[in-house]
Amino acid sequence: MRSPRGLLAVSGYLAGRHARAASVSTTGHHSLFFARAFQILAQPEPVRLQELSAPDSGILELRLERPEVKNAINWDVMRRLRSAIEKIQADATAKVVLVVSSVPGAFCAGADLKERKLMSSSEVGEYARSLRSTFSSFEALPIPTIAVIEGAALGGGLELALSCDLRICGENAELGLPETGLAIIPGAGGTQRLPRIVGGSRAKELIFTGRRCDAAEAVMMGLANYCVPAGEAYQKALDIAREIMQKGPLGIRMAKKAINQGTQVADMSSALAVEGECYEQLLHTQDRLEALAAFAEKRKPVYTGK
């Protein structure tokens, strides 16, 4: 991915080329070509992954930047999300992921309906399967993920947030799954993740009616963890990420695994067996011994993730 500085450098190079071409061309062909190239390069990348600097190293930002359509998800955005997920999976230093938007008043408006209108039925089905798989891959990340929701999180946008472990909302947040109003159903995990979070009855109401709820109601029903003043959701999410960073990273990973896998089995006995397996994996780690030593010495532990 090009950095903003890289984009400016390339754009400046093209601008110079454009000026020289205009001076020798009488057809305007070169001028039109370079103007279009400049417009393409000047557009922000719709998905950016970056690590925060020290002292917050280990916290990653997955940032949505498609302002012209309120971060609506199209094929390109989906492919970039997949690429970002693969990079997170390969990053041994990553400890927490924040999913944020650079677009004021919008987390993600859902699917790009202009693109959808041009698809055949089979293409729409393939798109839904790919998006469902992408969000499942994100949900399966072994580290905590936090959605920072300011403004609208609708359709696929809410389904992305549902695949996160935590959801922090500004009081201006608006959440909903409006798909039944388009004669379809949520197709990227909404019908499965929402009832697991808020219960079947509430999920059915929200999906059957397509009703949107605000941040306060989202917290009340358990859909969101916090409702904070508008504009402060990122700071709240960052504060939580910093708290998580102080804990043993292997313990965090095993806790997430135990919760996710335990809630998928049918009975408590099987769920407790999952917990036991996760606990056993931590018994012989350096971090566990460091935690005991730090407690005895009355100091903060220094975890290495080993």
C-alpha atoms as a PDB file:
ATOM      1  CA  MET A   1       0.000   0.000   0.000  1.00  0.00           C
ATOM      2  CA  ARG A   2       1.304   3.435  -0.871  1.00  0.00           C
ATOM      3  CA  SER A   3       1.804   5.881   1.956  1.00  0.00           C
ATOM      4  CA  PRO A   4       0.345   9.413   1.648  1.00  0.00           C
ATOM      5  CA  ARG A   5       3.909  10.661   1.075  1.00  0.00           C
ATOM      6  CA  GLY A   6       4.342   8.064  -1.662  1.00  0.00           C
ATOM      7  CA  LEU A   7       1.099   9.137  -3.290  1.00  0.00           C
ATOM      8  CA  LEU A   8       2.169  12.758  -3.243  1.00  0.00           C
ATOM      9  CA  ALA A   9       5.535  11.857  -4.724  1.00  0.00           C
ATOM     10  CA  VAL A  10       3.974   9.861  -7.544  1.00  0.00           C
ATOM     11  CA  SER A  11       1.309  12.504  -8.071  1.00  0.00           C
ATOM     12  CA  GLY A  12       3.967  15.191  -8.284  1.00  0.00           C
ATOM     13  CA  TYR A  13       5.870  13.122 -10.801  1.00  0.00           C
ATOM     14  CA  LEU A  14       2.741  12.728 -12.913  1.00  0.00           C
ATOM     15  CA  ALA A  15       1.957  16.418 -12.621  1.00  0.00           C
ATOM     16  CA  GLY A  16       5.397  17.227 -13.981  1.00  0.00           C
ATOM     17  CA  ARG A  17       4.950  14.759 -16.810  1.00  0.00           C
ATOM     18  CA  HIS A  18       1.545  16.279 -17.524  1.00  0.00           C
ATOM     19  CA  ALA A  19       3.013  19.785 -17.784  1.00  0.00           C
ATOM     20  CA  ARG A  20       5.700  18.669 -20.237  1.00  0.00           C
ATOM     21  CA  ALA A  21       3.244  16.639 -22.291  1.00  0.00           C
ATOM     22  CA  ALA A  22       0.848  19.569 -22.542  1.00  0.00           C
ATOM     23  CA  SER A  23       3.627  21.788 -23.908  1.00  0.00           C
ATOM     24  CA  VAL A  24       4.405  19.449 -26.825  1.00  0.00           C
ATOM     25  CA  SER A  25       0.987  17.939 -27.542  1.00  0.00           C
ATOM     26  CA  THR A  26      -1.748  19.543 -29.603  1.00  0.00           C
ATOM     27  CA  THR A  27      -4.271  16.729 -29.312  1.00  0.00           C
ATOM     28  CA  GLY A  28      -4.851  16.906 -25.562  1.00  0.00           C
ATOM     29  CA  HIS A  29      -4.538  13.089 -25.330  1.00  0.00           C
ATOM     30  CA  HIS A  30      -1.592  13.137 -22.931  1.00  0.00           C
ATOM     31  CA  SER A  31      -3.208  15.839 -20.824  1.00  0.00           C
ATOM     32  CA  LEU A  32      -6.390  13.776 -20.392  1.00  0.00           C
ATOM     33  CA  PHE A  33      -4.425  10.612 -19.606  1.00  0.00           C
ATOM     34  CA  PHE A  34      -2.332  12.183 -16.867  1.00  0.00           C
ATOM     35  CA  ALA A  35      -5.282  14.060 -15.380  1.00  0.00           C
ATOM     36  CA  ARG A  36      -7.128  10.755 -14.994  1.00  0.00           C
ATOM     37  CA  ALA A  37      -4.038   9.082 -13.539  1.00  0.00           C
ATOM     38  CA  PHE A  38      -3.699  11.896 -11.021  1.00  0.00           C
ATOM     39  CA  GLN A  39      -7.328  11.531  -9.964  1.00  0.00           C
ATOM     40  CA  ILE A  40      -6.904   7.787  -9.378  1.00  0.00           C
ATOM     41  CA  LEU A  41      -3.710   8.199  -7.355  1.00  0.00           C
ATOM     42  CA  ALA A  42      -5.143  11.078  -5.331  1.00  0.00           C
ATOM     43  CA  GLN A  43      -7.968   8.895  -3.990  1.00  0.00           C
ATOM     44  CA  PRO A  44      -7.306   7.486  -0.505  1.00  0.00           C
ATOM     45  CA  GLU A  45      -6.922   3.733  -0.183  1.00  0.00           C
ATOM     46  CA  PRO A  46     -10.301   2.369   0.992  1.00  0.00           C
ATOM     47  CA  VAL A  47      -8.698   0.061   3.580  1.00  0.00           C
ATOM     48  CA  ARG A  48      -5.499   0.840   5.496  1.00  0.00           C
ATOM     49  CA  LEU A  49      -3.709  -1.257   8.078  1.00  0.00           C
ATOM     50  CA  GLN A  50      -1.177   0.426  10.326  1.00  0.00           C
ATOM     51  CA  GLU A  51       0.476  -0.162  13.693  1.00  0.00           C
ATOM     52  CA  LEU A  52       0.409   2.555  16.314  1.00  0.00           C
ATOM     53  CA  SER A  53       3.740   3.931  17.456  1.00  0.00           C
ATOM     54  CA  ALA A  54       5.290   3.402  20.897  1.00  0.00           C
ATOM     55  CA  PRO A  55       4.109   3.195  23.616  1.00  0.00           C
ATOM     56  CA  ASP A  56       1.134   1.641  21.799  1.00  0.00           C
ATOM     57  CA  SER A  57       3.147  -0.746  19.619  1.00  0.00           C
ATOM     58  CA  GLY A  58       1.154  -3.927  19.120  1.00  0.00           C
ATOM     59  CA  ILE A  59      -2.136  -2.082  18.617  1.00  0.00           C
ATOM     60  CA  LEU A  60      -3.168  -2.160  14.957  1.00  0.00           C
ATOM     61  CA  GLU A  61      -5.683   0.080  13.191  1.00  0.00           C
ATOM     62  CA  LEU A  62      -7.786  -1.325  10.373  1.00  0.00           C
ATOM     63  CA  ARG A  63      -9.078   1.925   8.922  1.00  0.00           C
ATOM     64  CA  LEU A  64     -11.918   2.321   6.392  1.00  0.00           C
ATOM     65  CA  GLU A  65     -11.560   5.289   4.034  1.00  0.00           C
ATOM     66  CA  ARG A  66     -14.159   5.420   1.276  1.00  0.00           C
ATOM     67  CA  PRO A  67     -15.899   8.715   1.991  1.00  0.00           C
ATOM     68  CA  GLU A  68     -17.808   9.066  -1.275  1.00  0.00           C
ATOM     69  CA  VAL A  69     -20.062   6.114  -0.335  1.00  0.00           C
ATOM     70  CA  LYS A  70     -19.747   6.102   3.478  1.00  0.00           C
ATOM     71  CA  ASN A  71     -17.349   3.133   3.402  1.00  0.00           C
ATOM     72  CA  ALA A  72     -19.763   0.917   1.476  1.00  0.00           C
ATOM     73  CA  ILE A  73     -18.204  -2.478   0.782  1.00  0.00           C
ATOM     74  CA  ASN A  74     -17.566  -3.522  -2.814  1.00  0.00           C
ATOM     75  CA  TRP A  75     -15.373  -6.263  -4.277  1.00  0.00           C
ATOM     76  CA  ASP A  76     -12.252  -4.110  -4.031  1.00  0.00           C
ATOM     77  CA  VAL A  77     -12.857  -3.270  -0.369  1.00  0.00           C
ATOM     78  CA  MET A  78     -13.517  -6.945   0.383  1.00  0.00           C
ATOM     79  CA  ARG A  79     -10.261  -8.020  -1.257  1.00  0.00           C
ATOM     80  CA  ARG A  80      -8.362  -5.381   0.682  1.00  0.00           C
ATOM     81  CA  LEU A  81      -9.995  -6.513   3.923  1.00  0.00           C
ATOM     82  CA  ARG A  82      -8.867 -10.065   3.193  1.00  0.00           C
ATOM     83  CA  SER A  83      -5.338  -8.867   2.536  1.00  0.00           C
ATOM     84  CA  ALA A  84      -5.303  -6.916   5.801  1.00  0.00           C
ATOM     85  CA  ILE A  85      -6.568  -9.944   7.733  1.00  0.00           C
ATOM     86  CA  GLU A  86      -3.793 -12.095   6.258  1.00  0.00           C
ATOM     87  CA  LYS A  87      -1.210  -9.518   7.338  1.00  0.00           C
ATOM     88  CA  ILE A  88      -2.615  -9.477  10.875  1.00  0.00           C
ATOM     89  CA  GLN A  89      -2.535 -13.286  10.991  1.00  0.00           C
ATOM     90  CA  ALA A  90       1.141 -13.230   9.999  1.00  0.00           C
ATOM     91  CA  ASP A  91       2.117 -10.508  12.505  1.00  0.00           C
ATOM     92  CA  ALA A  92       3.410 -12.145  15.680  1.00  0.00           C
ATOM     93  CA  THR A  93       3.673  -8.740  17.410  1.00  0.00           C
ATOM     94  CA  ALA A  94       0.009  -7.806  16.913  1.00  0.00           C
ATOM     95  CA  LYS A  95      -1.989  -7.800  20.158  1.00  0.00           C
ATOM     96  CA  VAL A  96      -5.182  -5.788  19.523  1.00  0.00           C
ATOM     97  CA  VAL A  97      -6.968  -4.558  16.389  1.00  0.00           C
ATOM     98  CA  LEU A  98      -9.133  -1.434  16.261  1.00  0.00           C
ATOM     99  CA  VAL A  99     -11.562  -1.212  13.322  1.00  0.00           C
ATOM    100  CA  VAL A 100     -12.132   2.479  12.687  1.00  0.00           C
ATOM    101  CA  SER A 101     -13.520   4.835  10.062  1.00  0.00           C
ATOM    102  CA  SER A 102     -11.973   8.024   8.706  1.00  0.00           C
ATOM    103  CA  VAL A 103     -15.355   9.137   7.355  1.00  0.00           C
ATOM    104  CA  PRO A 104     -17.293  11.516   9.635  1.00  0.00           C
ATOM    105  CA  GLY A 105     -20.764  10.227  10.489  1.00  0.00           C
ATOM    106  CA  ALA A 106     -20.251   6.743   9.090  1.00  0.00           C
ATOM    107  CA  PHE A 107     -18.674   3.523  10.273  1.00  0.00           C
ATOM    108  CA  CYS A 108     -19.833   1.542   7.243  1.00  0.00           C
ATOM    109  CA  ALA A 109     -23.051   1.890   5.238  1.00  0.00           C
ATOM    110  CA  GLY A 110     -23.079  -1.772   4.150  1.00  0.00           C
ATOM    111  CA  ALA A 111     -22.882  -3.194   0.650  1.00  0.00           C
ATOM    112  CA  ASP A 112     -22.246  -0.946  -2.335  1.00  0.00           C
ATOM    113  CA  LEU A 113     -25.701  -1.128  -3.921  1.00  0.00           C
ATOM    114  CA  LYS A 114     -24.576   0.621  -7.111  1.00  0.00           C
ATOM    115  CA  GLU A 115     -22.158  -2.226  -7.746  1.00  0.00           C
ATOM    116  CA  ARG A 116     -24.738  -4.770  -6.556  1.00  0.00           C
ATOM    117  CA  LYS A 117     -27.264  -3.519  -9.115  1.00  0.00           C
ATOM    118  CA  LEU A 118     -24.899  -4.472 -11.925  1.00  0.00           C
ATOM    119  CA  MET A 119     -24.373  -8.045 -10.674  1.00  0.00           C
ATOM    120  CA  SER A 120     -26.163 -11.160 -11.827  1.00  0.00           C
ATOM    121  CA  SER A 121     -27.874 -13.367  -9.234  1.00  0.00           C
ATOM    122  CA  SER A 122     -24.943 -15.789  -9.275  1.00  0.00           C
ATOM    123  CA  GLU A 123     -22.474 -12.935  -8.807  1.00  0.00           C
ATOM    124  CA  VAL A 124     -24.462 -11.636  -5.836  1.00  0.00           C
ATOM    125  CA  GLY A 125     -24.376 -15.113  -4.314  1.00  0.00           C
ATOM    126  CA  GLU A 126     -20.617 -15.334  -4.813  1.00  0.00           C
ATOM    127  CA  TYR A 127     -20.169 -11.884  -3.269  1.00  0.00           C
ATOM    128  CA  ALA A 128     -22.208 -12.864  -0.189  1.00  0.00           C
ATOM    129  CA  ARG A 129     -20.234 -16.087   0.256  1.00  0.00           C
ATOM    130  CA  SER A 130     -16.942 -14.218  -0.033  1.00  0.00           C
ATOM    131  CA  LEU A 131     -18.000 -11.532   2.432  1.00  0.00           C
ATOM    132  CA  ARG A 132     -19.274 -14.173   4.866  1.00  0.00           C
ATOM    133  CA  SER A 133     -15.923 -15.945   4.641  1.00  0.00           C
ATOM    134  CA  THR A 134     -13.992 -12.690   5.066  1.00  0.00           C
ATOM    135  CA  PHE A 135     -15.849 -11.757   8.246  1.00  0.00           C
ATOM    136  CA  SER A 136     -15.445 -15.296   9.579  1.00  0.00           C
ATOM    137  CA  SER A 137     -11.687 -15.026   9.021  1.00  0.00           C
ATOM    138  CA  PHE A 138     -11.680 -11.740  10.894  1.00  0.00           C
ATOM    139  CA  GLU A 139     -13.721 -13.205  13.750  1.00  0.00           C
ATOM    140  CA  ALA A 140     -11.238 -16.097  13.955  1.00  0.00           C
ATOM    141  CA  LEU A 141      -8.238 -13.847  14.589  1.00  0.00           C
ATOM    142  CA  PRO A 142      -6.641 -15.015  17.855  1.00  0.00           C
ATOM    143  CA  ILE A 143      -6.278 -11.478  19.243  1.00  0.00           C
ATOM    144  CA  PRO A 144      -8.993  -9.085  20.508  1.00  0.00           C
ATOM    145  CA  THR A 145     -10.740  -6.906  17.932  1.00  0.00           C
ATOM    146  CA  ILE A 146     -12.662  -3.717  18.741  1.00  0.00           C
ATOM    147  CA  ALA A 147     -15.102  -1.899  16.438  1.00  0.00           C
ATOM    148  CA  VAL A 148     -15.128   1.881  16.895  1.00  0.00           C
ATOM    149  CA  ILE A 149     -18.571   3.001  15.732  1.00  0.00           C
ATOM    150  CA  GLU A 150     -19.382   6.641  15.115  1.00  0.00           C
ATOM    151  CA  GLY A 151     -22.418   7.214  12.904  1.00  0.00           C
ATOM    152  CA  ALA A 152     -24.058   4.585  10.712  1.00  0.00           C
ATOM    153  CA  ALA A 153     -23.186   0.886  10.912  1.00  0.00           C
ATOM    154  CA  LEU A 154     -25.757  -0.722   8.646  1.00  0.00           C
ATOM    155  CA  GLY A 155     -26.111  -4.037   6.848  1.00  0.00           C
ATOM    156  CA  GLY A 156     -22.671  -5.393   6.058  1.00  0.00           C
ATOM    157  CA  GLY A 157     -21.189  -2.608   8.154  1.00  0.00           C
ATOM    158  CA  LEU A 158     -22.930  -3.899  11.260  1.00  0.00           C
ATOM    159  CA  GLU A 159     -22.028  -7.457  10.270  1.00  0.00           C
ATOM    160  CA  LEU A 160     -18.369  -6.396  10.227  1.00  0.00           C
ATOM    161  CA  ALA A 161     -18.807  -4.925  13.711  1.00  0.00           C
ATOM    162  CA  LEU A 162     -20.542  -8.126  14.873  1.00  0.00           C
ATOM    163  CA  SER A 163     -17.456 -10.107  13.866  1.00  0.00           C
ATOM    164  CA  CYS A 164     -15.430  -8.012  16.330  1.00  0.00           C
ATOM    165  CA  ASP A 165     -15.072  -8.984  19.977  1.00  0.00           C
ATOM    166  CA  LEU A 166     -16.121  -5.577  21.344  1.00  0.00           C
ATOM    167  CA  ARG A 167     -18.131  -2.650  19.995  1.00  0.00           C
ATOM    168  CA  ILE A 168     -17.655   0.902  21.273  1.00  0.00           C
ATOM    169  CA  CYS A 169     -20.239   3.438  20.089  1.00  0.00           C
ATOM    170  CA  GLY A 170     -20.384   7.181  20.017  1.00  0.00           C
ATOM    171  CA  GLU A 171     -23.826   8.435  21.023  1.00  0.00           C
ATOM    172  CA  ASN A 172     -24.398   9.370  17.363  1.00  0.00           C
ATOM    173  CA  ALA A 173     -24.115   5.723  16.293  1.00  0.00           C
ATOM    174  CA  GLU A 174     -26.960   4.129  14.364  1.00  0.00           C
ATOM    175  CA  LEU A 175     -26.999   0.345  14.017  1.00  0.00           C
ATOM    176  CA  GLY A 176     -29.257  -1.839  11.911  1.00  0.00           C
ATOM    177  CA  LEU A 177     -29.723  -4.705   9.481  1.00  0.00           C
ATOM    178  CA  PRO A 178     -32.125  -3.328   6.851  1.00  0.00           C
ATOM    179  CA  GLU A 179     -31.837  -6.221   4.364  1.00  0.00           C
ATOM    180  CA  THR A 180     -35.447  -7.440   4.653  1.00  0.00           C
ATOM    181  CA  GLY A 181     -36.480  -4.072   3.255  1.00  0.00           C
ATOM    182  CA  LEU A 182     -34.620  -5.116   0.095  1.00  0.00           C
ATOM    183  CA  ALA A 183     -36.385  -8.507   0.081  1.00  0.00           C
ATOM    184  CA  ILE A 184     -33.246 -10.363   1.213  1.00  0.00           C
ATOM    185  CA  ILE A 185     -31.682 -11.297   4.562  1.00  0.00           C
ATOM    186  CA  PRO A 186     -28.375 -10.357   6.174  1.00  0.00           C
ATOM    187  CA  GLY A 187     -25.932 -12.579   4.303  1.00  0.00           C
ATOM    188  CA  ALA A 188     -22.553 -11.970   5.950  1.00  0.00           C
ATOM    189  CA  GLY A 189     -23.241 -13.538   9.328  1.00  0.00           C
ATOM    190  CA  GLY A 190     -25.894 -11.186  10.702  1.00  0.00           C
ATOM    191  CA  THR A 191     -28.585 -13.827  11.203  1.00  0.00           C
ATOM    192  CA  GLN A 192     -26.147 -15.947  13.217  1.00  0.00           C
ATOM    193  CA  ARG A 193     -23.953 -13.518  15.151  1.00  0.00           C
ATOM    194  CA  LEU A 194     -26.657 -11.072  16.208  1.00  0.00           C
ATOM    195  CA  PRO A 195     -28.815 -13.661  18.078  1.00  0.00           C
ATOM    196  CA  ARG A 196     -25.696 -15.038  19.770  1.00  0.00           C
ATOM    197  CA  ILE A 197     -24.997 -11.547  21.096  1.00  0.00           C
ATOM    198  CA  VAL A 198     -28.444 -10.140  21.932  1.00  0.00           C
ATOM    199  CA  GLY A 199     -30.635 -13.270  22.024  1.00  0.00           C
ATOM    200  CA  GLY A 200     -32.979 -14.743  19.460  1.00  0.00           C
ATOM    201  CA  SER A 201     -36.072 -12.649  20.179  1.00  0.00           C
ATOM    202  CA  ARG A 202     -34.321  -9.267  19.965  1.00  0.00           C
ATOM    203  CA  ALA A 203     -32.398 -10.355  16.872  1.00  0.00           C
ATOM    204  CA  LYS A 204     -35.595 -11.429  15.144  1.00  0.00           C
ATOM    205  CA  GLU A 205     -37.247  -8.100  15.898  1.00  0.00           C
ATOM    206  CA  LEU A 206     -34.333  -6.097  14.516  1.00  0.00           C
ATOM    207  CA  ILE A 207     -33.991  -8.255  11.397  1.00  0.00           C
ATOM    208  CA  PHE A 208     -37.735  -8.700  10.695  1.00  0.00           C
ATOM    209  CA  THR A 209     -38.426  -4.955  10.965  1.00  0.00           C
ATOM    210  CA  GLY A 210     -35.088  -3.657   9.661  1.00  0.00           C
ATOM    211  CA  ARG A 211     -35.281  -1.140  12.497  1.00  0.00           C
ATOM    212  CA  ARG A 212     -32.255   0.926  13.423  1.00  0.00           C
ATOM    213  CA  CYS A 213     -31.257   1.393  17.034  1.00  0.00           C
ATOM    214  CA  ASP A 214     -29.159   4.090  18.645  1.00  0.00           C
ATOM    215  CA  ALA A 215     -26.062   3.598  20.793  1.00  0.00           C
ATOM    216  CA  ALA A 216     -27.898   3.742  24.118  1.00  0.00           C
ATOM    217  CA  GLU A 217     -30.326   1.005  23.087  1.00  0.00           C
ATOM    218  CA  ALA A 218     -27.444  -1.019  21.638  1.00  0.00           C
ATOM    219  CA  VAL A 219     -25.738  -0.991  25.038  1.00  0.00           C
ATOM    220  CA  MET A 220     -28.987  -1.863  26.818  1.00  0.00           C
ATOM    221  CA  MET A 221     -29.496  -4.995  24.698  1.00  0.00           C
ATOM    222  CA  GLY A 222     -25.822  -6.017  24.834  1.00  0.00           C
ATOM    223  CA  LEU A 223     -25.099  -5.217  21.209  1.00  0.00           C
ATOM    224  CA  ALA A 224     -22.516  -2.591  22.204  1.00  0.00           C
ATOM    225  CA  ASN A 225     -20.177  -2.489  25.188  1.00  0.00           C
ATOM    226  CA  TYR A 226     -20.156   1.278  25.680  1.00  0.00           C
ATOM    227  CA  CYS A 227     -21.956   4.418  24.568  1.00  0.00           C
ATOM    228  CA  VAL A 228     -19.772   7.515  24.909  1.00  0.00           C
ATOM    229  CA  PRO A 229     -20.156  11.124  23.735  1.00  0.00           C
ATOM    230  CA  ALA A 230     -19.932  11.542  19.967  1.00  0.00           C
ATOM    231  CA  GLY A 231     -16.339  11.766  18.837  1.00  0.00           C
ATOM    232  CA  GLU A 232     -14.972   9.923  21.881  1.00  0.00           C
ATOM    233  CA  ALA A 233     -15.469   6.301  20.819  1.00  0.00           C
ATOM    234  CA  TYR A 234     -11.917   5.982  19.475  1.00  0.00           C
ATOM    235  CA  GLN A 235     -10.355   7.187  22.710  1.00  0.00           C
ATOM    236  CA  LYS A 236     -12.501   4.788  24.740  1.00  0.00           C
ATOM    237  CA  ALA A 237     -11.528   1.903  22.469  1.00  0.00           C
ATOM    238  CA  LEU A 238      -7.861   2.885  22.716  1.00  0.00           C
ATOM    239  CA  ASP A 239      -8.098   2.971  26.521  1.00  0.00           C
ATOM    240  CA  ILE A 240      -9.521  -0.563  26.503  1.00  0.00           C
ATOM    241  CA  ALA A 241      -6.833  -1.727  24.062  1.00  0.00           C
ATOM    242  CA  ARG A 242      -4.158  -0.326  26.381  1.00  0.00           C
ATOM    243  CA  GLU A 243      -5.674  -2.230  29.311  1.00  0.00           C
ATOM    244  CA  ILE A 244      -5.560  -5.429  27.276  1.00  0.00           C
ATOM    245  CA  MET A 245      -1.939  -4.751  26.332  1.00  0.00           C
ATOM    246  CA  GLN A 246      -0.956  -4.904  30.015  1.00  0.00           C
ATOM    247  CA  LYS A 247      -2.131  -8.508  30.310  1.00  0.00           C
ATOM    248  CA  GLY A 248      -0.369 -11.703  29.318  1.00  0.00           C
ATOM    249  CA  PRO A 249      -0.748 -11.981  25.515  1.00  0.00           C
ATOM    250  CA  LEU A 250      -0.905 -15.779  25.572  1.00  0.00           C
ATOM    251  CA  GLY A 251      -3.560 -15.637  28.279  1.00  0.00           C
ATOM    252  CA  ILE A 252      -5.602 -13.218  26.161  1.00  0.00           C
ATOM    253  CA  ARG A 253      -5.356 -15.488  23.131  1.00  0.00           C
ATOM    254  CA  MET A 254      -6.392 -18.566  25.098  1.00  0.00           C
ATOM    255  CA  ALA A 255      -9.236 -16.668  26.783  1.00  0.00           C
ATOM    256  CA  LYS A 256     -10.624 -15.670  23.385  1.00  0.00           C
ATOM    257  CA  LYS A 257     -10.262 -19.221  22.095  1.00  0.00           C
ATOM    258  CA  ALA A 258     -11.972 -20.694  25.171  1.00  0.00           C
ATOM    259  CA  ILE A 259     -14.897 -18.258  24.954  1.00  0.00           C
ATOM    260  CA  ASN A 260     -15.397 -18.581  21.192  1.00  0.00           C
ATOM    261  CA  GLN A 261     -15.126 -22.361  21.052  1.00  0.00           C
ATOM    262  CA  GLY A 262     -16.932 -22.947  24.341  1.00  0.00           C
ATOM    263  CA  THR A 263     -20.014 -21.016  23.262  1.00  0.00           C
ATOM    264  CA  GLN A 264     -20.308 -23.129  20.111  1.00  0.00           C
ATOM    265  CA  VAL A 265     -20.665 -26.486  21.850  1.00  0.00           C
ATOM    266  CA  ALA A 266     -23.996 -27.864  23.014  1.00  0.00           C
ATOM    267  CA  ASP A 267     -23.442 -28.622  26.688  1.00  0.00           C
ATOM    268  CA  MET A 268     -21.544 -27.278  29.692  1.00  0.00           C
ATOM    269  CA  SER A 269     -19.425 -30.398  30.062  1.00  0.00           C
ATOM    270  CA  SER A 270     -18.008 -29.972  26.566  1.00  0.00           C
ATOM    271  CA  ALA A 271     -17.539 -26.253  27.137  1.00  0.00           C
ATOM    272  CA  LEU A 272     -15.571 -26.854  30.330  1.00  0.00           C
ATOM    273  CA  ALA A 273     -13.418 -29.362  28.445  1.00  0.00           C
ATOM    274  CA  VAL A 274     -12.553 -26.590  25.965  1.00  0.00           C
ATOM    275  CA  GLU A 275     -11.623 -24.316  28.865  1.00  0.00           C
ATOM    276  CA  GLY A 276      -9.444 -27.027  30.392  1.00  0.00           C
ATOM    277  CA  GLU A 277      -7.553 -27.583  27.153  1.00  0.00           C
ATOM    278  CA  CYS A 278      -6.867 -23.855  26.806  1.00  0.00           C
ATOM    279  CA  TYR A 279      -5.733 -23.616  30.437  1.00  0.00           C
ATOM    280  CA  GLU A 280      -3.349 -26.545  30.041  1.00  0.00           C
ATOM    281  CA  GLN A 281      -1.595 -24.802  27.155  1.00  0.00           C
ATOM    282  CA  LEU A 282      -0.574 -21.962  29.483  1.00  0.00           C
ATOM    283  CA  LEU A 283       0.901 -23.981  32.335  1.00  0.00           C
ATOM    284  CA  HIS A 284       4.430 -24.246  30.985  1.00  0.00           C
ATOM    285  CA  THR A 285       4.829 -20.778  29.499  1.00  0.00           C
ATOM    286  CA  GLN A 286       7.492 -18.262  30.453  1.00  0.00           C
ATOM    287  CA  ASP A 287       4.809 -15.618  30.855  1.00  0.00           C
ATOM    288  CA  ARG A 288       3.057 -17.584  33.596  1.00  0.00           C
ATOM    289  CA  LEU A 289       6.315 -17.944  35.539  1.00  0.00           C
ATOM    290  CA  GLU A 290       7.048 -14.250  35.004  1.00  0.00           C
ATOM    291  CA  ALA A 291       3.611 -13.334  36.387  1.00  0.00           C
ATOM    292  CA  LEU A 292       4.258 -15.347  39.560  1.00  0.00           C
ATOM    293  CA  ALA A 293       7.734 -13.831  39.982  1.00  0.00           C
ATOM    294  CA  ALA A 294       6.414 -10.306  39.477  1.00  0.00           C
ATOM    295  CA  PHE A 295       3.686 -10.892  42.060  1.00  0.00           C
ATOM    296  CA  ALA A 296       6.224 -12.112  44.611  1.00  0.00           C
ATOM    297  CA  GLU A 297       8.550  -9.193  43.887  1.00  0.00           C
ATOM    298  CA  LYS A 298       5.720  -6.624  43.891  1.00  0.00           C
ATOM    299  CA  ARG A 299       6.474  -5.296  40.415  1.00  0.00           C
ATOM    300  CA  LYS A 300       4.744  -5.197  37.039  1.00  0.00           C
ATOM    301  CA  PRO A 301       5.314  -8.298  34.937  1.00  0.00           C
ATOM    302  CA  VAL A 302       7.207  -8.052  31.656  1.00  0.00           C
ATOM    303  CA  TYR A 303       5.540 -10.422  29.232  1.00  0.00           C
ATOM    304  CA  THR A 304       7.246 -11.777  26.124  1.00  0.00           C
ATOM    305  CA  GLY A 305       4.460 -13.896  24.689  1.00  0.00           C
ATOM    306  CA  LYS A 306       6.408 -17.098  25.281  1.00  0.00           C
END
